[in-house]
Amino acid sequence: QTELSPEQLRNLASGFCTGMGTLEATCGALIGA
């Protein structure tokens, strides 16, 4: 759905797990979408 490479996407999303980077805020899966 994007023009980015798998590596670029992986890097882009790397810091957003555990609720906005371990803050337990917005779900990382939702942020990824």
PDB file of all heavy atoms in Angstrom:
ATOM      1  N   GLN A   1       0.813  -1.206   0.000  1.00  0.00           N
ATOM      2  CA  GLN A   1       0.000   0.000   0.000  1.00  0.00           C
ATOM      3  C   GLN A   1       0.854   1.267   0.000  1.00  0.00           C
ATOM      4  O   GLN A   1       0.326   2.372   0.005  1.00  0.00           O
ATOM      5  CB  GLN A   1      -0.918   0.008   1.241  1.00  0.00           C
ATOM      6  CG  GLN A   1      -1.894  -1.140   1.282  1.00  0.00           C
ATOM      7  CD  GLN A   1      -2.941  -1.006   0.223  1.00  0.00           C
ATOM      8  OE1 GLN A   1      -3.723  -0.057   0.228  1.00  0.00           O
ATOM      9  NE2 GLN A   1      -2.957  -1.938  -0.723  1.00  0.00           N
ATOM     10  N   THR A   2       2.160   1.086   0.017  1.00  0.00           N
ATOM     11  CA  THR A   2       3.088   2.215   0.058  1.00  0.00           C
ATOM     12  C   THR A   2       4.135   2.064  -1.043  1.00  0.00           C
ATOM     13  O   THR A   2       4.208   1.032  -1.703  1.00  0.00           O
ATOM     14  CB  THR A   2       3.823   2.291   1.412  1.00  0.00           C
ATOM     15  OG1 THR A   2       4.878   1.330   1.434  1.00  0.00           O
ATOM     16  CG2 THR A   2       2.889   2.040   2.587  1.00  0.00           C
ATOM     17  N   GLU A   3       4.947   3.083  -1.185  1.00  0.00           N
ATOM     18  CA  GLU A   3       6.058   3.031  -2.131  1.00  0.00           C
ATOM     19  C   GLU A   3       7.392   2.811  -1.425  1.00  0.00           C
ATOM     20  O   GLU A   3       8.441   2.840  -2.065  1.00  0.00           O
ATOM     21  CB  GLU A   3       6.095   4.317  -2.955  1.00  0.00           C
ATOM     22  CG  GLU A   3       4.865   4.471  -3.834  1.00  0.00           C
ATOM     23  CD  GLU A   3       4.874   5.741  -4.662  1.00  0.00           C
ATOM     24  OE1 GLU A   3       5.863   6.496  -4.628  1.00  0.00           O
ATOM     25  OE2 GLU A   3       3.864   5.981  -5.347  1.00  0.00           O
ATOM     26  N   LEU A   4       7.353   2.596  -0.127  1.00  0.00           N
ATOM     27  CA  LEU A   4       8.577   2.400   0.640  1.00  0.00           C
ATOM     28  C   LEU A   4       8.999   0.936   0.612  1.00  0.00           C
ATOM     29  O   LEU A   4       8.179   0.031   0.480  1.00  0.00           O
ATOM     30  CB  LEU A   4       8.386   2.845   2.090  1.00  0.00           C
ATOM     31  CG  LEU A   4       8.078   4.328   2.312  1.00  0.00           C
ATOM     32  CD1 LEU A   4       7.963   4.606   3.805  1.00  0.00           C
ATOM     33  CD2 LEU A   4       9.131   5.219   1.686  1.00  0.00           C
ATOM     34  N   SER A   5      10.291   0.734   0.792  1.00  0.00           N
ATOM     35  CA  SER A   5      10.827  -0.631   0.840  1.00  0.00           C
ATOM     36  C   SER A   5      10.497  -1.255   2.199  1.00  0.00           C
ATOM     37  O   SER A   5      10.224  -0.538   3.177  1.00  0.00           O
ATOM     38  CB  SER A   5      12.343  -0.595   0.664  1.00  0.00           C
ATOM     39  OG  SER A   5      12.968  -0.059   1.823  1.00  0.00           O
ATOM     40  N   PRO A   6      10.545  -2.582   2.276  1.00  0.00           N
ATOM     41  CA  PRO A   6      10.331  -3.231   3.573  1.00  0.00           C
ATOM     42  C   PRO A   6      11.274  -2.706   4.657  1.00  0.00           C
ATOM     43  O   PRO A   6      10.864  -2.514   5.801  1.00  0.00           O
ATOM     44  CB  PRO A   6      10.578  -4.714   3.273  1.00  0.00           C
ATOM     45  CG  PRO A   6      10.218  -4.857   1.830  1.00  0.00           C
ATOM     46  CD  PRO A   6      10.678  -3.568   1.190  1.00  0.00           C
ATOM     47  N   GLU A   7      12.524  -2.460   4.300  1.00  0.00           N
ATOM     48  CA  GLU A   7      13.482  -1.945   5.281  1.00  0.00           C
ATOM     49  C   GLU A   7      13.108  -0.536   5.744  1.00  0.00           C
ATOM     50  O   GLU A   7      13.184  -0.227   6.938  1.00  0.00           O
ATOM     51  CB  GLU A   7      14.900  -1.939   4.700  1.00  0.00           C
ATOM     52  CG  GLU A   7      15.938  -1.476   5.698  1.00  0.00           C
ATOM     53  CD  GLU A   7      17.361  -1.507   5.144  1.00  0.00           C
ATOM     54  OE1 GLU A   7      17.574  -1.967   4.010  1.00  0.00           O
ATOM     55  OE2 GLU A   7      18.252  -1.051   5.863  1.00  0.00           O
ATOM     56  N   GLN A   8      12.695   0.318   4.827  1.00  0.00           N
ATOM     57  CA  GLN A   8      12.283   1.670   5.203  1.00  0.00           C
ATOM     58  C   GLN A   8      11.068   1.626   6.130  1.00  0.00           C
ATOM     59  O   GLN A   8      11.009   2.365   7.115  1.00  0.00           O
ATOM     60  CB  GLN A   8      11.964   2.496   3.955  1.00  0.00           C
ATOM     61  CG  GLN A   8      13.185   2.880   3.156  1.00  0.00           C
ATOM     62  CD  GLN A   8      12.818   3.518   1.829  1.00  0.00           C
ATOM     63  OE1 GLN A   8      11.931   3.045   1.115  1.00  0.00           O
ATOM     64  NE2 GLN A   8      13.499   4.608   1.507  1.00  0.00           N
ATOM     65  N   LEU A   9      10.111   0.774   5.809  1.00  0.00           N
ATOM     66  CA  LEU A   9       8.921   0.647   6.654  1.00  0.00           C
ATOM     67  C   LEU A   9       9.279   0.119   8.037  1.00  0.00           C
ATOM     68  O   LEU A   9       8.776   0.616   9.049  1.00  0.00           O
ATOM     69  CB  LEU A   9       7.894  -0.272   5.991  1.00  0.00           C
ATOM     70  CG  LEU A   9       7.168   0.324   4.798  1.00  0.00           C
ATOM     71  CD1 LEU A   9       6.400  -0.747   4.054  1.00  0.00           C
ATOM     72  CD2 LEU A   9       6.247   1.451   5.224  1.00  0.00           C
ATOM     73  N   ARG A  10      10.139  -0.889   8.086  1.00  0.00           N
ATOM     74  CA  ARG A  10      10.578  -1.448   9.371  1.00  0.00           C
ATOM     75  C   ARG A  10      11.252  -0.368  10.212  1.00  0.00           C
ATOM     76  O   ARG A  10      10.987  -0.237  11.410  1.00  0.00           O
ATOM     77  CB  ARG A  10      11.511  -2.631   9.130  1.00  0.00           C
ATOM     78  CG  ARG A  10      11.894  -3.393  10.374  1.00  0.00           C
ATOM     79  CD  ARG A  10      12.699  -4.659  10.105  1.00  0.00           C
ATOM     80  NE  ARG A  10      13.768  -4.506   9.124  1.00  0.00           N
ATOM     81  CZ  ARG A  10      13.724  -4.934   7.857  1.00  0.00           C
ATOM     82  NH1 ARG A  10      12.656  -5.567   7.405  1.00  0.00           N
ATOM     83  NH2 ARG A  10      14.736  -4.754   7.037  1.00  0.00           N
ATOM     84  N   ASN A  11      12.101   0.438   9.576  1.00  0.00           N
ATOM     85  CA  ASN A  11      12.789   1.516  10.298  1.00  0.00           C
ATOM     86  C   ASN A  11      11.803   2.590  10.759  1.00  0.00           C
ATOM     87  O   ASN A  11      11.897   3.084  11.889  1.00  0.00           O
ATOM     88  CB  ASN A  11      13.870   2.132   9.423  1.00  0.00           C
ATOM     89  CG  ASN A  11      15.029   1.191   9.180  1.00  0.00           C
ATOM     90  OD1 ASN A  11      15.221   0.214   9.901  1.00  0.00           O
ATOM     91  ND2 ASN A  11      15.791   1.456   8.136  1.00  0.00           N
ATOM     92  N   LEU A  12      10.871   2.951   9.897  1.00  0.00           N
ATOM     93  CA  LEU A  12       9.876   3.969  10.217  1.00  0.00           C
ATOM     94  C   LEU A  12       9.064   3.590  11.455  1.00  0.00           C
ATOM     95  O   LEU A  12       8.817   4.418  12.328  1.00  0.00           O
ATOM     96  CB  LEU A  12       8.938   4.170   9.018  1.00  0.00           C
ATOM     97  CG  LEU A  12       7.772   5.127   9.185  1.00  0.00           C
ATOM     98  CD1 LEU A  12       8.263   6.562   9.310  1.00  0.00           C
ATOM     99  CD2 LEU A  12       6.826   5.005   8.000  1.00  0.00           C
ATOM    100  N   ALA A  13       8.680   2.339  11.539  1.00  0.00           N
ATOM    101  CA  ALA A  13       7.803   1.875  12.620  1.00  0.00           C
ATOM    102  C   ALA A  13       8.551   1.360  13.844  1.00  0.00           C
ATOM    103  O   ALA A  13       7.920   1.005  14.843  1.00  0.00           O
ATOM    104  CB  ALA A  13       6.881   0.780  12.080  1.00  0.00           C
ATOM    105  N   SER A  14       9.863   1.355  13.812  1.00  0.00           N
ATOM    106  CA  SER A  14      10.647   0.697  14.864  1.00  0.00           C
ATOM    107  C   SER A  14      10.439   1.253  16.272  1.00  0.00           C
ATOM    108  O   SER A  14      10.507   0.510  17.243  1.00  0.00           O
ATOM    109  CB  SER A  14      12.136   0.721  14.516  1.00  0.00           C
ATOM    110  OG  SER A  14      12.603   2.052  14.472  1.00  0.00           O
ATOM    111  N   GLY A  15      10.150   2.519  16.410  1.00  0.00           N
ATOM    112  CA  GLY A  15      10.054   3.114  17.744  1.00  0.00           C
ATOM    113  C   GLY A  15       8.646   3.265  18.285  1.00  0.00           C
ATOM    114  O   GLY A  15       8.451   3.950  19.290  1.00  0.00           O
ATOM    115  N   PHE A  16       7.666   2.630  17.663  1.00  0.00           N
ATOM    116  CA  PHE A  16       6.284   2.888  18.049  1.00  0.00           C
ATOM    117  C   PHE A  16       5.581   1.734  18.757  1.00  0.00           C
ATOM    118  O   PHE A  16       4.366   1.742  18.897  1.00  0.00           O
ATOM    119  CB  PHE A  16       5.481   3.329  16.825  1.00  0.00           C
ATOM    120  CG  PHE A  16       5.900   4.684  16.347  1.00  0.00           C
ATOM    121  CD1 PHE A  16       6.823   4.809  15.326  1.00  0.00           C
ATOM    122  CD2 PHE A  16       5.422   5.827  16.949  1.00  0.00           C
ATOM    123  CE1 PHE A  16       7.239   6.054  14.893  1.00  0.00           C
ATOM    124  CE2 PHE A  16       5.823   7.078  16.528  1.00  0.00           C
ATOM    125  CZ  PHE A  16       6.740   7.190  15.495  1.00  0.00           C
ATOM    126  N   CYS A  17       6.321   0.754  19.220  1.00  0.00           N
ATOM    127  CA  CYS A  17       5.702  -0.348  19.949  1.00  0.00           C
ATOM    128  C   CYS A  17       5.457   0.058  21.394  1.00  0.00           C
ATOM    129  O   CYS A  17       5.889   1.109  21.846  1.00  0.00           O
ATOM    130  CB  CYS A  17       6.596  -1.578  19.888  1.00  0.00           C
ATOM    131  SG  CYS A  17       8.224  -1.303  20.575  1.00  0.00           S
ATOM    132  N   THR A  18       4.753  -0.767  22.106  1.00  0.00           N
ATOM    133  CA  THR A  18       4.455  -0.573  23.528  1.00  0.00           C
ATOM    134  C   THR A  18       3.822   0.791  23.783  1.00  0.00           C
ATOM    135  O   THR A  18       4.164   1.485  24.722  1.00  0.00           O
ATOM    136  CB  THR A  18       5.718  -0.760  24.398  1.00  0.00           C
ATOM    137  OG1 THR A  18       6.487  -1.834  23.890  1.00  0.00           O
ATOM    138  CG2 THR A  18       5.334  -1.078  25.836  1.00  0.00           C
ATOM    139  N   GLY A  19       2.902   1.138  22.917  1.00  0.00           N
ATOM    140  CA  GLY A  19       2.137   2.355  23.130  1.00  0.00           C
ATOM    141  C   GLY A  19       2.927   3.621  22.963  1.00  0.00           C
ATOM    142  O   GLY A  19       3.241   4.296  23.932  1.00  0.00           O
ATOM    143  N   MET A  20       3.306   3.914  21.735  1.00  0.00           N
ATOM    144  CA  MET A  20       4.009   5.152  21.406  1.00  0.00           C
ATOM    145  C   MET A  20       5.408   5.168  22.010  1.00  0.00           C
ATOM    146  O   MET A  20       5.816   6.136  22.636  1.00  0.00           O
ATOM    147  CB  MET A  20       3.191   6.317  21.918  1.00  0.00           C
ATOM    148  CG  MET A  20       2.975   7.558  21.130  1.00  0.00           C
ATOM    149  SD  MET A  20       3.001   7.472  19.392  1.00  0.00           S
ATOM    150  CE  MET A  20       3.618   9.090  19.098  1.00  0.00           C
ATOM    151  N   GLY A  21       6.126   4.088  21.823  1.00  0.00           N
ATOM    152  CA  GLY A  21       7.506   4.043  22.295  1.00  0.00           C
ATOM    153  C   GLY A  21       7.632   3.819  23.781  1.00  0.00           C
ATOM    154  O   GLY A  21       8.337   4.550  24.452  1.00  0.00           O
ATOM    155  N   THR A  22       6.958   2.846  24.315  1.00  0.00           N
ATOM    156  CA  THR A  22       6.956   2.410  25.717  1.00  0.00           C
ATOM    157  C   THR A  22       6.217   3.339  26.670  1.00  0.00           C
ATOM    158  O   THR A  22       6.364   3.217  27.877  1.00  0.00           O
ATOM    159  CB  THR A  22       8.386   2.156  26.270  1.00  0.00           C
ATOM    160  OG1 THR A  22       9.048   3.404  26.453  1.00  0.00           O
ATOM    161  CG2 THR A  22       9.184   1.227  25.389  1.00  0.00           C
ATOM    162  N   LEU A  23       5.389   4.226  26.159  1.00  0.00           N
ATOM    163  CA  LEU A  23       4.628   5.120  27.028  1.00  0.00           C
ATOM    164  C   LEU A  23       3.261   4.557  27.412  1.00  0.00           C
ATOM    165  O   LEU A  23       2.537   5.182  28.177  1.00  0.00           O
ATOM    166  CB  LEU A  23       4.420   6.479  26.347  1.00  0.00           C
ATOM    167  CG  LEU A  23       5.681   7.284  26.070  1.00  0.00           C
ATOM    168  CD1 LEU A  23       5.342   8.529  25.270  1.00  0.00           C
ATOM    169  CD2 LEU A  23       6.380   7.649  27.369  1.00  0.00           C
ATOM    170  N   GLU A  24       2.930   3.373  26.869  1.00  0.00           N
ATOM    171  CA  GLU A  24       1.625   2.755  27.084  1.00  0.00           C
ATOM    172  C   GLU A  24       0.503   3.669  26.611  1.00  0.00           C
ATOM    173  O   GLU A  24      -0.601   3.651  27.132  1.00  0.00           O
ATOM    174  CB  GLU A  24       1.430   2.346  28.540  1.00  0.00           C
ATOM    175  CG  GLU A  24       2.424   1.295  28.974  1.00  0.00           C
ATOM    176  CD  GLU A  24       2.418   1.015  30.460  1.00  0.00           C
ATOM    177  OE1 GLU A  24       1.715   1.701  31.222  1.00  0.00           O
ATOM    178  OE2 GLU A  24       3.135   0.099  30.866  1.00  0.00           O
ATOM    179  N   ALA A  25       0.796   4.489  25.598  1.00  0.00           N
ATOM    180  CA  ALA A  25      -0.191   5.405  25.019  1.00  0.00           C
ATOM    181  C   ALA A  25      -0.821   4.729  23.801  1.00  0.00           C
ATOM    182  O   ALA A  25      -1.155   3.549  23.873  1.00  0.00           O
ATOM    183  CB  ALA A  25       0.479   6.733  24.679  1.00  0.00           C
ATOM    184  N   THR A  26      -0.986   5.416  22.690  1.00  0.00           N
ATOM    185  CA  THR A  26      -1.662   4.857  21.519  1.00  0.00           C
ATOM    186  C   THR A  26      -1.006   3.560  21.078  1.00  0.00           C
ATOM    187  O   THR A  26       0.213   3.470  20.960  1.00  0.00           O
ATOM    188  CB  THR A  26      -1.645   5.873  20.360  1.00  0.00           C
ATOM    189  OG1 THR A  26      -2.220   7.092  20.816  1.00  0.00           O
ATOM    190  CG2 THR A  26      -2.435   5.356  19.178  1.00  0.00           C
ATOM    191  N   CYS A  27      -1.831   2.555  20.822  1.00  0.00           N
ATOM    192  CA  CYS A  27      -1.364   1.226  20.421  1.00  0.00           C
ATOM    193  C   CYS A  27      -0.470   1.312  19.184  1.00  0.00           C
ATOM    194  O   CYS A  27      -0.812   1.959  18.196  1.00  0.00           O
ATOM    195  CB  CYS A  27      -2.577   0.346  20.145  1.00  0.00           C
ATOM    196  SG  CYS A  27      -2.184  -1.261  19.436  1.00  0.00           S
ATOM    197  N   GLY A  28       0.658   0.635  19.230  1.00  0.00           N
ATOM    198  CA  GLY A  28       1.603   0.635  18.113  1.00  0.00           C
ATOM    199  C   GLY A  28       1.023   0.046  16.844  1.00  0.00           C
ATOM    200  O   GLY A  28       1.338   0.498  15.734  1.00  0.00           O
ATOM    201  N   ALA A  29       0.167  -0.961  16.961  1.00  0.00           N
ATOM    202  CA  ALA A  29      -0.465  -1.548  15.778  1.00  0.00           C
ATOM    203  C   ALA A  29      -1.345  -0.515  15.089  1.00  0.00           C
ATOM    204  O   ALA A  29      -1.338  -0.397  13.856  1.00  0.00           O
ATOM    205  CB  ALA A  29      -1.286  -2.773  16.170  1.00  0.00           C
ATOM    206  N   LEU A  30      -2.076   0.257  15.866  1.00  0.00           N
ATOM    207  CA  LEU A  30      -2.920   1.320  15.327  1.00  0.00           C
ATOM    208  C   LEU A  30      -2.061   2.408  14.691  1.00  0.00           C
ATOM    209  O   LEU A  30      -2.381   2.912  13.613  1.00  0.00           O
ATOM    210  CB  LEU A  30      -3.802   1.887  16.441  1.00  0.00           C
ATOM    211  CG  LEU A  30      -4.747   3.030  16.089  1.00  0.00           C
ATOM    212  CD1 LEU A  30      -5.694   2.635  14.959  1.00  0.00           C
ATOM    213  CD2 LEU A  30      -5.531   3.444  17.325  1.00  0.00           C
ATOM    214  N   ILE A  31      -0.957   2.743  15.318  1.00  0.00           N
ATOM    215  CA  ILE A  31      -0.039   3.737  14.751  1.00  0.00           C
ATOM    216  C   ILE A  31       0.509   3.240  13.417  1.00  0.00           C
ATOM    217  O   ILE A  31       0.587   3.998  12.444  1.00  0.00           O
ATOM    218  CB  ILE A  31       1.107   4.053  15.723  1.00  0.00           C
ATOM    219  CG1 ILE A  31       0.570   4.779  16.955  1.00  0.00           C
ATOM    220  CG2 ILE A  31       2.193   4.888  15.037  1.00  0.00           C
ATOM    221  CD1 ILE A  31       1.562   4.909  18.085  1.00  0.00           C
ATOM    222  N   GLY A  32       0.888   1.971  13.349  1.00  0.00           N
ATOM    223  CA  GLY A  32       1.393   1.410  12.101  1.00  0.00           C
ATOM    224  C   GLY A  32       0.380   1.531  10.982  1.00  0.00           C
ATOM    225  O   GLY A  32       0.710   1.937   9.863  1.00  0.00           O
ATOM    226  N   ALA A  33      -0.870   1.190  11.262  1.00  0.00           N
ATOM    227  CA  ALA A  33      -1.922   1.315  10.247  1.00  0.00           C
ATOM    228  C   ALA A  33      -2.119   2.771   9.856  1.00  0.00           C
ATOM    229  O   ALA A  33      -2.300   3.086   8.671  1.00  0.00           O
ATOM    230  CB  ALA A  33      -3.223   0.712  10.772  1.00  0.00           C
TER     231      ALA A  33
END
